[in-house]
Amino acid sequence: MLHAEGPPAAICIRLLVGLVFLSEGIQKFRYPQQLGPGRFERIGIPAATFFANLDGVVEIVCGTMIVLGLLTRVAAVPLLVDIIGAITLTKIPELRPGGFLGVQGFWGMAHDARTDLSMLLGLIFLLWAGPGRWSLDARLVHAG
């Protein structure tokens, strides 16, 4: 799994995806009522505090690893689970009558899911193409 192939532009995707997840993880702890346990509780997730904190730690650790290009493909896997969970729990319900938090229908869901879908595609790209030559993975591969 430690292959550093990928186009030179992979650094752009890596930085974007990693920084978004890092930022989201930090915000779960800085704004617990709006984005952390309070939000998880409003969504209906059991053990909201535990799962919000776990989610925040995963986003911070894996986001940082992706920014650095350290075990990029390994770090992308838990974030894929994270983003698929976010889409499933908060975006897909908007398609039902009444929606989620008052927003409903396809266009409301498409608007709200734009960042999640971009992160999903960015993670898939990193799994597929690799972190690129400007990554710690590349240094580790060439050092070994």
C-alpha atoms as a PDB file:
ATOM      1  CA  MET A   1       0.000   0.000   0.000  1.00  0.00           C
ATOM      2  CA  LEU A   2       2.991   2.315   0.270  1.00  0.00           C
ATOM      3  CA  HIS A   3       3.360   3.310  -3.355  1.00  0.00           C
ATOM      4  CA  ALA A   4       3.980   6.928  -4.176  1.00  0.00           C
ATOM      5  CA  GLU A   5       2.896   7.013  -7.781  1.00  0.00           C
ATOM      6  CA  GLY A   6       0.404   9.563  -8.945  1.00  0.00           C
ATOM      7  CA  PRO A   7       0.502  12.661 -11.096  1.00  0.00           C
ATOM      8  CA  PRO A   8       2.348  15.749  -9.845  1.00  0.00           C
ATOM      9  CA  ALA A   9      -1.014  17.494  -9.433  1.00  0.00           C
ATOM     10  CA  ALA A  10      -1.957  14.923  -6.767  1.00  0.00           C
ATOM     11  CA  ILE A  11      -0.520  17.332  -4.207  1.00  0.00           C
ATOM     12  CA  CYS A  12      -3.395  19.739  -4.949  1.00  0.00           C
ATOM     13  CA  ILE A  13      -6.029  17.071  -4.284  1.00  0.00           C
ATOM     14  CA  ARG A  14      -4.114  15.836  -1.239  1.00  0.00           C
ATOM     15  CA  LEU A  15      -3.864  19.299   0.310  1.00  0.00           C
ATOM     16  CA  LEU A  16      -7.493  20.162  -0.402  1.00  0.00           C
ATOM     17  CA  VAL A  17      -8.909  16.902   0.948  1.00  0.00           C
ATOM     18  CA  GLY A  18      -6.555  16.719   3.920  1.00  0.00           C
ATOM     19  CA  LEU A  19      -7.083  20.323   5.001  1.00  0.00           C
ATOM     20  CA  VAL A  20     -10.877  20.067   4.759  1.00  0.00           C
ATOM     21  CA  PHE A  21     -10.926  16.975   6.983  1.00  0.00           C
ATOM     22  CA  LEU A  22      -8.375  18.473   9.393  1.00  0.00           C
ATOM     23  CA  SER A  23     -10.470  21.631   9.674  1.00  0.00           C
ATOM     24  CA  GLU A  24     -13.710  19.696  10.171  1.00  0.00           C
ATOM     25  CA  GLY A  25     -12.118  17.581  12.899  1.00  0.00           C
ATOM     26  CA  ILE A  26     -10.828  20.625  14.777  1.00  0.00           C
ATOM     27  CA  GLN A  27     -14.215  22.339  14.508  1.00  0.00           C
ATOM     28  CA  LYS A  28     -15.951  19.377  16.157  1.00  0.00           C
ATOM     29  CA  PHE A  29     -13.956  20.180  19.310  1.00  0.00           C
ATOM     30  CA  ARG A  30     -14.043  23.978  19.027  1.00  0.00           C
ATOM     31  CA  TYR A  31     -17.807  24.131  18.424  1.00  0.00           C
ATOM     32  CA  PRO A  32     -19.210  21.031  20.153  1.00  0.00           C
ATOM     33  CA  GLN A  33     -22.846  22.174  20.190  1.00  0.00           C
ATOM     34  CA  GLN A  34     -22.979  23.141  16.526  1.00  0.00           C
ATOM     35  CA  LEU A  35     -20.640  20.586  14.929  1.00  0.00           C
ATOM     36  CA  GLY A  36     -19.680  18.004  17.556  1.00  0.00           C
ATOM     37  CA  PRO A  37     -21.751  16.004  20.055  1.00  0.00           C
ATOM     38  CA  GLY A  38     -24.629  18.499  19.911  1.00  0.00           C
ATOM     39  CA  ARG A  39     -25.039  17.997  16.173  1.00  0.00           C
ATOM     40  CA  PHE A  40     -24.626  14.231  16.427  1.00  0.00           C
ATOM     41  CA  GLU A  41     -27.355  14.180  19.076  1.00  0.00           C
ATOM     42  CA  ARG A  42     -29.713  16.267  16.890  1.00  0.00           C
ATOM     43  CA  ILE A  43     -29.142  13.852  14.005  1.00  0.00           C
ATOM     44  CA  GLY A  44     -30.092  10.963  16.287  1.00  0.00           C
ATOM     45  CA  ILE A  45     -26.753   9.189  16.569  1.00  0.00           C
ATOM     46  CA  PRO A  46     -26.596   7.092  19.762  1.00  0.00           C
ATOM     47  CA  ALA A  47     -23.640   7.759  22.099  1.00  0.00           C
ATOM     48  CA  ALA A  48     -23.305  11.127  20.382  1.00  0.00           C
ATOM     49  CA  THR A  49     -20.392  12.384  22.472  1.00  0.00           C
ATOM     50  CA  PHE A  50     -18.328   9.240  21.914  1.00  0.00           C
ATOM     51  CA  PHE A  51     -18.945   9.105  18.158  1.00  0.00           C
ATOM     52  CA  ALA A  52     -18.485  12.854  17.605  1.00  0.00           C
ATOM     53  CA  ASN A  53     -15.162  12.784  19.448  1.00  0.00           C
ATOM     54  CA  LEU A  54     -14.059   9.632  17.609  1.00  0.00           C
ATOM     55  CA  ASP A  55     -15.037  11.232  14.309  1.00  0.00           C
ATOM     56  CA  GLY A  56     -13.133  14.408  15.195  1.00  0.00           C
ATOM     57  CA  VAL A  57      -9.970  12.499  16.117  1.00  0.00           C
ATOM     58  CA  VAL A  58     -10.139  10.394  12.931  1.00  0.00           C
ATOM     59  CA  GLU A  59     -10.585  13.525  10.807  1.00  0.00           C
ATOM     60  CA  ILE A  60      -7.665  15.312  12.508  1.00  0.00           C
ATOM     61  CA  VAL A  61      -5.247  12.364  12.397  1.00  0.00           C
ATOM     62  CA  CYS A  62      -6.123  11.106   8.914  1.00  0.00           C
ATOM     63  CA  GLY A  63      -6.457  14.632   7.499  1.00  0.00           C
ATOM     64  CA  THR A  64      -2.961  15.446   8.755  1.00  0.00           C
ATOM     65  CA  MET A  65      -1.584  12.206   7.296  1.00  0.00           C
ATOM     66  CA  ILE A  66      -3.095  13.040   3.909  1.00  0.00           C
ATOM     67  CA  VAL A  67      -1.707  16.602   3.955  1.00  0.00           C
ATOM     68  CA  LEU A  68       1.759  15.185   4.657  1.00  0.00           C
ATOM     69  CA  GLY A  69       1.332  12.349   2.194  1.00  0.00           C
ATOM     70  CA  LEU A  70       2.113   9.842   4.950  1.00  0.00           C
ATOM     71  CA  LEU A  71       0.431   6.453   4.461  1.00  0.00           C
ATOM     72  CA  THR A  72      -2.009   8.332   2.256  1.00  0.00           C
ATOM     73  CA  ARG A  73      -3.981   5.342   1.030  1.00  0.00           C
ATOM     74  CA  VAL A  74      -4.274   3.920   4.546  1.00  0.00           C
ATOM     75  CA  ALA A  75      -5.488   7.299   5.874  1.00  0.00           C
ATOM     76  CA  ALA A  76      -8.052   7.597   3.081  1.00  0.00           C
ATOM     77  CA  VAL A  77      -9.938   4.442   4.111  1.00  0.00           C
ATOM     78  CA  PRO A  78     -11.356   5.630   7.484  1.00  0.00           C
ATOM     79  CA  LEU A  79     -12.182   8.983   5.892  1.00  0.00           C
ATOM     80  CA  LEU A  80     -14.120   7.180   3.146  1.00  0.00           C
ATOM     81  CA  VAL A  81     -16.157   5.425   5.843  1.00  0.00           C
ATOM     82  CA  ASP A  82     -16.609   8.805   7.559  1.00  0.00           C
ATOM     83  CA  ILE A  83     -17.827  10.646   4.454  1.00  0.00           C
ATOM     84  CA  ILE A  84     -20.116   7.817   3.324  1.00  0.00           C
ATOM     85  CA  GLY A  85     -21.639   7.869   6.814  1.00  0.00           C
ATOM     86  CA  ALA A  86     -22.101  11.640   6.623  1.00  0.00           C
ATOM     87  CA  ILE A  87     -23.809  11.413   3.241  1.00  0.00           C
ATOM     88  CA  THR A  88     -26.012   8.524   4.383  1.00  0.00           C
ATOM     89  CA  LEU A  89     -27.064  10.124   7.679  1.00  0.00           C
ATOM     90  CA  THR A  90     -27.415  13.776   6.712  1.00  0.00           C
ATOM     91  CA  LYS A  91     -27.787  14.150   2.941  1.00  0.00           C
ATOM     92  CA  ILE A  92     -29.818  11.204   1.635  1.00  0.00           C
ATOM     93  CA  PRO A  93     -32.640  11.836   4.168  1.00  0.00           C
ATOM     94  CA  GLU A  94     -33.241  15.171   2.418  1.00  0.00           C
ATOM     95  CA  LEU A  95     -34.738  13.242  -0.484  1.00  0.00           C
ATOM     96  CA  ARG A  96     -37.649  12.102   1.706  1.00  0.00           C
ATOM     97  CA  PRO A  97     -40.729  14.282   2.199  1.00  0.00           C
ATOM     98  CA  GLY A  98     -39.983  16.677   5.036  1.00  0.00           C
ATOM     99  CA  GLY A  99     -36.274  16.299   4.418  1.00  0.00           C
ATOM    100  CA  PHE A 100     -33.543  16.776   6.975  1.00  0.00           C
ATOM    101  CA  LEU A 101     -33.538  19.941   9.066  1.00  0.00           C
ATOM    102  CA  GLY A 102     -36.229  21.449   6.850  1.00  0.00           C
ATOM    103  CA  VAL A 103     -34.402  21.172   3.517  1.00  0.00           C
ATOM    104  CA  GLN A 104     -35.915  18.755   1.075  1.00  0.00           C
ATOM    105  CA  GLY A 105     -35.745  17.416  -2.423  1.00  0.00           C
ATOM    106  CA  PHE A 106     -32.986  16.609  -4.865  1.00  0.00           C
ATOM    107  CA  TRP A 107     -31.708  20.166  -5.346  1.00  0.00           C
ATOM    108  CA  GLY A 108     -31.573  20.848  -1.621  1.00  0.00           C
ATOM    109  CA  MET A 109     -29.662  17.612  -1.139  1.00  0.00           C
ATOM    110  CA  ALA A 110     -27.340  18.352  -4.077  1.00  0.00           C
ATOM    111  CA  HIS A 111     -26.550  21.778  -2.630  1.00  0.00           C
ATOM    112  CA  ASP A 112     -25.888  20.471   0.874  1.00  0.00           C
ATOM    113  CA  ALA A 113     -23.878  17.464  -0.340  1.00  0.00           C
ATOM    114  CA  ARG A 114     -21.498  19.321  -2.650  1.00  0.00           C
ATOM    115  CA  THR A 115     -18.575  19.346  -0.201  1.00  0.00           C
ATOM    116  CA  ASP A 116     -19.195  15.757   0.918  1.00  0.00           C
ATOM    117  CA  LEU A 117     -19.330  14.516  -2.671  1.00  0.00           C
ATOM    118  CA  SER A 118     -16.165  16.444  -3.550  1.00  0.00           C
ATOM    119  CA  MET A 119     -14.358  14.898  -0.582  1.00  0.00           C
ATOM    120  CA  LEU A 120     -15.633  11.440  -1.559  1.00  0.00           C
ATOM    121  CA  LEU A 121     -14.260  11.838  -5.088  1.00  0.00           C
ATOM    122  CA  GLY A 122     -10.986  13.292  -3.785  1.00  0.00           C
ATOM    123  CA  LEU A 123     -10.493  10.307  -1.482  1.00  0.00           C
ATOM    124  CA  ILE A 124     -11.273   7.875  -4.303  1.00  0.00           C
ATOM    125  CA  PHE A 125      -8.712   9.703  -6.466  1.00  0.00           C
ATOM    126  CA  LEU A 126      -6.031   9.388  -3.763  1.00  0.00           C
ATOM    127  CA  LEU A 127      -6.768   5.681  -3.305  1.00  0.00           C
ATOM    128  CA  TRP A 128      -6.584   5.123  -7.030  1.00  0.00           C
ATOM    129  CA  ALA A 129      -3.781   7.437  -8.186  1.00  0.00           C
ATOM    130  CA  GLY A 130      -1.661   7.644  -5.046  1.00  0.00           C
ATOM    131  CA  PRO A 131      -0.216  10.613  -3.164  1.00  0.00           C
ATOM    132  CA  GLY A 132       2.202  11.794  -5.863  1.00  0.00           C
ATOM    133  CA  ARG A 133       5.922  12.441  -5.800  1.00  0.00           C
ATOM    134  CA  TRP A 134       5.738  15.350  -3.330  1.00  0.00           C
ATOM    135  CA  SER A 135       4.730  13.221  -0.372  1.00  0.00           C
ATOM    136  CA  LEU A 136       6.351  11.522   2.588  1.00  0.00           C
ATOM    137  CA  ASP A 137       5.232   8.242   1.028  1.00  0.00           C
ATOM    138  CA  ALA A 138       7.497   9.013  -1.967  1.00  0.00           C
ATOM    139  CA  ARG A 139      10.431   9.778   0.318  1.00  0.00           C
ATOM    140  CA  LEU A 140       9.888   6.527   2.233  1.00  0.00           C
ATOM    141  CA  VAL A 141       9.665   4.488  -0.970  1.00  0.00           C
ATOM    142  CA  HIS A 142      12.847   6.030  -2.386  1.00  0.00           C
ATOM    143  CA  ALA A 143      14.705   5.738   0.935  1.00  0.00           C
ATOM    144  CA  GLY A 144      13.966   2.001   1.112  1.00  0.00           C
END
